[in-house]
Every structure is written in C-alpha cells, then in structure tokens.
Amino acid sequence: MTLISLLLVLAADRMTTKTEFWRSEFYLKWYSNMLRERGWFMQEDKPWVLYASILVPALLCGYLLSWFDSTLITLVVNLVLLMIAVGCPHLRDNYKGYLQASNRGDFAARDLYAEQLGYKHNSELSFGQYILWVNFQHYFAVAFWFALLGAPGAMLYVLARHMRQQQVCQWSDGATSEVMFVLNWLPARVAGLGFLLVGDFTRGFPVWLSQAANLKNDGQTVLTKVAKASEEIEPNDTDCTEEPCTLLRLGKRNMVMLLSAMAVLTLGGWLH
C-alpha cells in the first residue's frame, strides 16, 4: 500500500496542476499563523513549544490511523496527505522560468527567478547543487519518511521544513536547524548512496565515504558533494542550464532507484 500510494501521487503530481487546496503551503501558513497569533512562539526560553508544534500533528495523525485501524481509511489518508506534501508547484514554475530566461539570454530575469527560488549568489553551493537540494527536500526526503513512518512521517518532515524555511519567530532558526539536521541526516546519506548506483560509482564512492562517515556533516553537505562527484558535468561557460538540468536528472534517476528498492522490500514482505 505504501508503494502504490507513492506511485499514484507521483504520477498525479506530474500530470496535473495542483490548485491552492492541494498545496502544503496553504495549510502550513494557516497553521503557523494560528500558533503565532495564540502566542506560542513568544518566549525564547521554551524551544519545546516549537518542537511540540512540529511533533504533535504527526503523532495525532498516527494515533487516529491506528484507532480507526482501517486499510481503506489509511489508503485515503496516505493519498491525500502525500498529494499535499509532495512537490512544490510554485518552485517548479520559477525553475521553468529560470531555464526559459537563460535560453533567451535574459540574465536579469534569470537572476530574479533564482532569487525567487531562494538561491543566494554568495552561496557556497552552485545553482545546480542548490536546486538538487530543493528537489530532495520536496520529493526524496518526503518519500523516505513516508516509507519509514507512513503518512505521519511525511507530515512530520513537511512541518519541520516549513518551520525552518519560514522562520516562524526570531529565535526559531537554531531550534528548527537542529530538527532538520536530524530529519535530513539519514535520507541524505541514503540518497547519496543512490547517486553512486545511478551515477559514477568510482568517482562518487570516496566522496560519499568521507562525507557520510563524518556524523557531524549535515544532509545538504553530504548530498550536494556526492552528487557533484557522481555526475560528470561538461564545463560550459555559455550555458548556465547544463549543471542544474544534469543534476536534476541524477535526482530523478535516484527517485526511481528509491521506488525500485521499495518494490523489492514490498515483495519481500518488509514493507506494507
């Protein structure tokens, strides 16, 4: 059921245009604004309040699913929550705008689209590495936690990601960074291992081994460095779309690898 739900949602994400009510931002902004208006984020010495705002909805979802104990209800909830959690239409539109502006030589528009995607030109990451990281956070990581913990896992990750990106209060940066470090730690290393299998294993393996072995490395560092080493990118100073397109293709192949692994686990009876 886990694999079927994920396949259906990924197919629908590619073939349909999501309305506002099928986008996670619609519900997450309402949720964080409600908590802010009620004064949940007023006291800096109580980071547990922020942790609870991320954890409680996922726990409640898990409790309700176990209480109903219905395969049909679980399937419906999985499909609805996954459809809301997976993907990010407005980021996809901005990325398409970036490619179109680059192809017609409109560098001012290209830079504007990059900024709307959240990319900072003084970043240590290249644009291709950054866009791969964005793709990871909206697809691979959500699918990973869904496979591991079901719908509550996907909800937990999406809530934490929103709290981190939106910085719901002035002191939330440190607390949400810790949460995202934990939630990205394992899936980033698994994704990096997938890059070795769908990319250049010989070049990527030493990088993956050195990065993954350092327990203090965050998910972004591991993922972007292994991806750059696992995929050969032809240097092209006149085409700034080559790197992001190449790395995104690597990410898509890696997503297929994850689905294949889930299929094997399902056939073996380890995944339901």
Protein backbone atom coordinates (compact mmCIF):
# COMPACT_ATOMS: atom_id res chain seq x y z
CA MET A 1 0.00 0.00 0.00
CA THR A 2 2.92 2.34 0.71
CA LEU A 3 4.40 1.84 -2.75
CA ILE A 4 1.03 2.09 -4.50
CA SER A 5 0.22 5.34 -2.70
CA LEU A 6 3.56 6.86 -3.62
CA LEU A 7 3.35 5.80 -7.27
CA LEU A 8 -0.16 7.21 -7.66
CA VAL A 9 0.77 10.53 -6.06
CA LEU A 10 3.97 10.95 -8.08
CA ALA A 11 2.06 10.21 -11.30
CA ALA A 12 -0.67 12.71 -10.38
CA ASP A 13 1.95 15.33 -9.44
CA ARG A 14 3.44 15.17 -12.93
CA MET A 15 0.17 15.02 -14.88
CA THR A 16 -2.00 17.53 -13.01
CA THR A 17 -1.81 21.14 -11.93
CA LYS A 18 -2.42 21.49 -8.22
CA THR A 19 -4.95 24.02 -7.00
CA GLU A 20 -4.32 26.03 -3.86
CA PHE A 21 -6.06 23.44 -1.68
CA TRP A 22 -3.63 20.71 -2.78
CA ARG A 23 -0.53 22.68 -1.84
CA SER A 24 1.14 22.25 1.54
CA GLU A 25 1.88 25.98 1.87
CA PHE A 26 -1.85 26.75 2.11
CA TYR A 27 -2.29 24.66 5.26
CA LEU A 28 1.16 25.21 6.78
CA LYS A 29 0.90 29.00 6.66
CA TRP A 30 -2.53 28.84 8.29
CA TYR A 31 -1.19 26.51 10.99
CA SER A 32 1.90 28.58 11.81
CA ASN A 33 -0.06 31.85 11.76
CA MET A 34 -2.64 30.36 14.14
CA LEU A 35 0.08 29.31 16.60
CA ARG A 36 1.78 32.71 16.33
CA GLU A 37 -1.48 34.59 16.99
CA ARG A 38 -2.05 32.46 20.08
CA GLY A 39 1.38 33.41 21.44
CA TRP A 40 3.05 30.02 21.15
CA PHE A 41 6.32 31.47 19.89
CA MET A 42 6.62 34.41 22.26
CA GLN A 43 9.10 33.00 24.82
CA GLU A 44 12.63 32.25 23.67
CA ASP A 45 13.43 30.00 26.64
CA LYS A 46 10.81 27.43 25.61
CA PRO A 47 12.01 25.76 22.40
CA TRP A 48 9.97 22.71 23.37
CA VAL A 49 6.90 24.64 22.20
CA LEU A 50 8.34 24.74 18.69
CA TYR A 51 9.24 21.07 18.85
CA ALA A 52 5.71 20.25 20.01
CA SER A 53 4.17 22.26 17.16
CA ILE A 54 6.07 20.01 14.73
CA LEU A 55 5.65 16.68 16.52
CA VAL A 56 2.08 16.78 17.86
CA PRO A 57 0.22 16.87 14.49
CA ALA A 58 2.23 13.87 13.26
CA LEU A 59 1.58 11.95 16.48
CA LEU A 60 -2.11 12.81 16.32
CA CYS A 61 -2.29 11.59 12.72
CA GLY A 62 -0.60 8.32 13.67
CA TYR A 63 -2.91 7.82 16.65
CA LEU A 64 -6.07 8.40 14.60
CA LEU A 65 -4.94 5.98 11.89
CA SER A 66 -4.19 3.29 14.46
CA TRP A 67 -7.51 3.97 16.24
CA PHE A 68 -9.58 3.57 13.07
CA ASP A 69 -7.46 0.55 12.04
CA SER A 70 -8.93 0.54 8.54
CA THR A 71 -6.96 -0.24 5.39
CA LEU A 72 -9.29 1.88 3.28
CA ILE A 73 -9.08 4.90 5.59
CA THR A 74 -5.29 4.57 5.77
CA LEU A 75 -5.06 4.44 1.98
CA VAL A 76 -7.24 7.54 1.56
CA VAL A 77 -5.30 9.47 4.21
CA ASN A 78 -1.99 8.42 2.63
CA LEU A 79 -3.08 9.61 -0.80
CA VAL A 80 -4.48 12.93 0.43
CA LEU A 81 -1.55 13.81 2.69
CA LEU A 82 1.04 12.70 0.15
CA MET A 83 -0.64 14.68 -2.62
CA ILE A 84 -0.42 17.76 -0.43
CA ALA A 85 3.11 17.08 0.83
CA VAL A 86 4.93 16.01 -2.33
CA GLY A 87 6.23 18.58 -4.78
CA CYS A 88 6.12 22.36 -4.86
CA PRO A 89 4.35 23.85 -7.92
CA HIS A 90 5.44 27.45 -7.46
CA LEU A 91 9.12 26.44 -7.19
CA ARG A 92 8.74 24.30 -10.30
CA ASP A 93 7.25 27.28 -12.17
CA ASN A 94 10.13 29.51 -11.08
CA TYR A 95 12.65 26.90 -12.21
CA LYS A 96 11.00 26.70 -15.63
CA GLY A 97 11.14 30.49 -15.79
CA TYR A 98 14.86 30.33 -14.94
CA LEU A 99 15.51 27.91 -17.81
CA GLN A 100 13.47 29.94 -20.29
CA ALA A 101 15.17 33.20 -19.30
CA SER A 102 18.60 31.56 -19.58
CA ASN A 103 17.84 30.14 -23.02
CA ARG A 104 16.80 33.53 -24.41
CA GLY A 105 19.77 35.29 -22.79
CA ASP A 106 17.73 37.40 -20.35
CA PHE A 107 20.19 37.28 -17.45
CA ALA A 108 18.35 39.83 -15.32
CA ALA A 109 15.19 37.69 -15.40
CA ARG A 110 17.30 34.57 -14.81
CA ASP A 111 18.80 36.04 -11.64
CA LEU A 112 15.35 37.16 -10.48
CA TYR A 113 13.97 33.64 -10.88
CA ALA A 114 16.98 32.26 -8.99
CA GLU A 115 16.26 34.64 -6.10
CA GLN A 116 12.61 33.59 -6.06
CA LEU A 117 13.80 30.02 -5.75
CA GLY A 118 15.70 31.08 -2.64
CA TYR A 119 19.18 30.89 -4.16
CA LYS A 120 21.77 33.33 -2.85
CA HIS A 121 24.52 34.26 -5.29
CA ASN A 122 27.12 34.38 -2.49
CA SER A 123 26.24 30.79 -1.54
CA GLU A 124 28.95 28.13 -1.40
CA LEU A 125 26.66 25.93 -3.50
CA SER A 126 26.35 26.22 -7.24
CA PHE A 127 22.84 26.80 -8.56
CA GLY A 128 22.68 23.19 -9.74
CA GLN A 129 23.59 21.86 -6.30
CA TYR A 130 21.05 24.16 -4.69
CA ILE A 131 18.20 23.15 -6.99
CA LEU A 132 19.05 19.47 -6.39
CA TRP A 133 18.80 20.10 -2.64
CA VAL A 134 15.41 21.77 -3.10
CA ASN A 135 14.23 18.80 -5.16
CA PHE A 136 15.47 16.41 -2.47
CA GLN A 137 13.51 18.21 0.25
CA HIS A 138 10.26 18.14 -1.72
CA TYR A 139 10.45 14.63 -3.15
CA PHE A 140 13.06 12.15 -1.92
CA ALA A 141 13.03 13.09 1.77
CA VAL A 142 9.21 13.17 1.92
CA ALA A 143 9.03 9.77 0.20
CA PHE A 144 11.72 8.37 2.52
CA TRP A 145 9.92 9.34 5.72
CA PHE A 146 6.62 8.20 4.26
CA ALA A 147 8.12 4.78 3.53
CA LEU A 148 9.60 4.63 7.03
CA LEU A 149 6.76 6.03 9.16
CA GLY A 150 3.77 6.31 6.84
CA ALA A 151 1.66 9.46 6.49
CA PRO A 152 2.74 10.76 9.95
CA GLY A 153 6.37 10.62 8.79
CA ALA A 154 5.65 12.70 5.69
CA MET A 155 3.66 15.18 7.79
CA LEU A 156 6.47 15.46 10.32
CA TYR A 157 9.06 16.27 7.66
CA VAL A 158 6.91 18.80 5.81
CA LEU A 159 6.00 20.61 9.05
CA ALA A 160 9.65 20.80 10.13
CA ARG A 161 10.72 22.01 6.68
CA HIS A 162 8.10 24.77 6.73
CA MET A 163 9.07 25.94 10.21
CA ARG A 164 12.71 26.05 9.12
CA GLN A 165 12.12 27.91 5.86
CA GLN A 166 9.58 30.43 7.14
CA GLN A 167 11.38 31.20 10.41
CA VAL A 168 8.10 31.48 12.30
CA CYS A 169 9.73 33.57 15.03
CA GLN A 170 13.02 35.39 15.64
CA TRP A 171 14.53 32.64 17.78
CA SER A 172 13.32 29.65 15.75
CA ASP A 173 16.38 29.39 13.49
CA GLY A 174 18.53 27.36 15.88
CA ALA A 175 15.76 25.04 17.03
CA THR A 176 14.46 24.26 13.55
CA SER A 177 18.01 23.78 12.24
CA GLU A 178 18.52 21.05 14.84
CA VAL A 179 15.28 19.34 13.84
CA MET A 180 16.09 19.45 10.13
CA PHE A 181 19.64 18.23 10.79
CA VAL A 182 18.15 15.10 12.38
CA LEU A 183 15.44 14.59 9.74
CA ASN A 184 17.84 15.08 6.79
CA TRP A 185 20.75 13.13 8.26
CA LEU A 186 19.72 9.61 7.24
CA PRO A 187 17.77 10.25 3.98
CA ALA A 188 20.61 12.41 2.60
CA ARG A 189 23.09 9.59 3.16
CA VAL A 190 20.71 7.08 1.60
CA ALA A 191 20.19 9.42 -1.38
CA GLY A 192 23.95 9.83 -1.69
CA LEU A 193 24.33 6.06 -1.83
CA GLY A 194 21.69 6.03 -4.56
CA PHE A 195 23.71 8.58 -6.54
CA LEU A 196 26.60 6.11 -6.60
CA LEU A 197 24.37 3.42 -8.10
CA VAL A 198 22.76 5.62 -10.77
CA GLY A 199 25.83 7.77 -11.42
CA ASP A 200 29.60 7.35 -11.48
CA PHE A 201 30.32 4.92 -8.63
CA THR A 202 34.10 5.09 -8.97
CA ARG A 203 34.27 8.87 -8.60
CA GLY A 204 31.44 9.20 -6.10
CA PHE A 205 32.23 6.44 -3.61
CA PRO A 206 35.33 8.03 -1.98
CA VAL A 207 33.39 11.29 -1.56
CA TRP A 208 30.33 9.51 -0.13
CA LEU A 209 32.50 7.52 2.27
CA SER A 210 34.34 10.59 3.56
CA GLN A 211 31.20 12.72 3.86
CA ALA A 212 28.83 10.10 5.27
CA ALA A 213 31.39 8.87 7.81
CA ASN A 214 31.53 12.31 9.39
CA LEU A 215 28.47 12.21 11.65
CA LYS A 216 28.53 16.00 12.07
CA ASN A 217 28.05 16.70 8.35
CA ASP A 218 24.55 17.93 7.59
CA GLY A 219 22.38 16.44 4.87
CA GLN A 220 22.95 19.29 2.43
CA THR A 221 26.73 18.93 2.57
CA VAL A 222 26.63 15.17 2.04
CA LEU A 223 24.04 15.26 -0.74
CA THR A 224 25.48 18.09 -2.83
CA LYS A 225 29.11 16.96 -2.69
CA VAL A 226 28.30 13.34 -3.52
CA ALA A 227 26.00 14.42 -6.36
CA LYS A 228 28.68 16.65 -7.89
CA ALA A 229 31.20 13.82 -7.74
CA SER A 230 28.78 11.17 -9.06
CA GLU A 231 27.72 13.01 -12.20
CA GLU A 232 30.12 14.23 -14.85
CA ILE A 233 29.17 17.72 -15.98
CA GLU A 234 30.72 19.17 -19.09
CA PRO A 235 32.03 22.69 -18.39
CA ASN A 236 30.09 25.21 -20.44
CA ASP A 237 30.52 28.89 -19.68
CA THR A 238 27.86 29.89 -22.20
CA ASP A 239 25.09 27.56 -20.94
CA CYS A 240 24.17 28.01 -17.28
CA THR A 241 21.37 25.42 -17.57
CA GLU A 242 23.69 22.45 -18.15
CA GLU A 243 24.59 21.86 -14.50
CA PRO A 244 21.12 22.18 -12.90
CA CYS A 245 19.50 20.06 -15.62
CA THR A 246 22.17 17.36 -15.31
CA LEU A 247 21.96 17.21 -11.51
CA LEU A 248 18.15 17.16 -11.59
CA ARG A 249 18.25 14.22 -13.98
CA LEU A 250 20.50 12.50 -11.46
CA GLY A 251 17.95 13.24 -8.74
CA LYS A 252 15.13 11.82 -10.86
CA ARG A 253 17.07 8.61 -11.54
CA ASN A 254 17.72 8.36 -7.82
CA MET A 255 13.99 8.67 -7.12
CA VAL A 256 13.38 5.74 -9.48
CA MET A 257 16.03 3.82 -7.54
CA LEU A 258 14.16 4.51 -4.29
CA LEU A 259 10.89 3.28 -5.79
CA SER A 260 12.65 0.16 -7.06
CA ALA A 261 14.07 -0.53 -3.60
CA MET A 262 10.61 -0.07 -2.10
CA ALA A 263 9.20 -2.55 -4.64
CA VAL A 264 11.78 -5.15 -3.61
CA LEU A 265 11.01 -4.57 0.09
CA THR A 266 7.29 -4.87 -0.64
CA LEU A 267 7.76 -8.17 -2.48
CA GLY A 268 9.88 -9.43 0.39
CA GLY A 269 7.20 -8.56 2.91
CA TRP A 270 9.29 -5.93 4.75
CA LEU A 271 7.19 -3.02 3.54
CA HIS A 272 3.40 -2.87 3.50
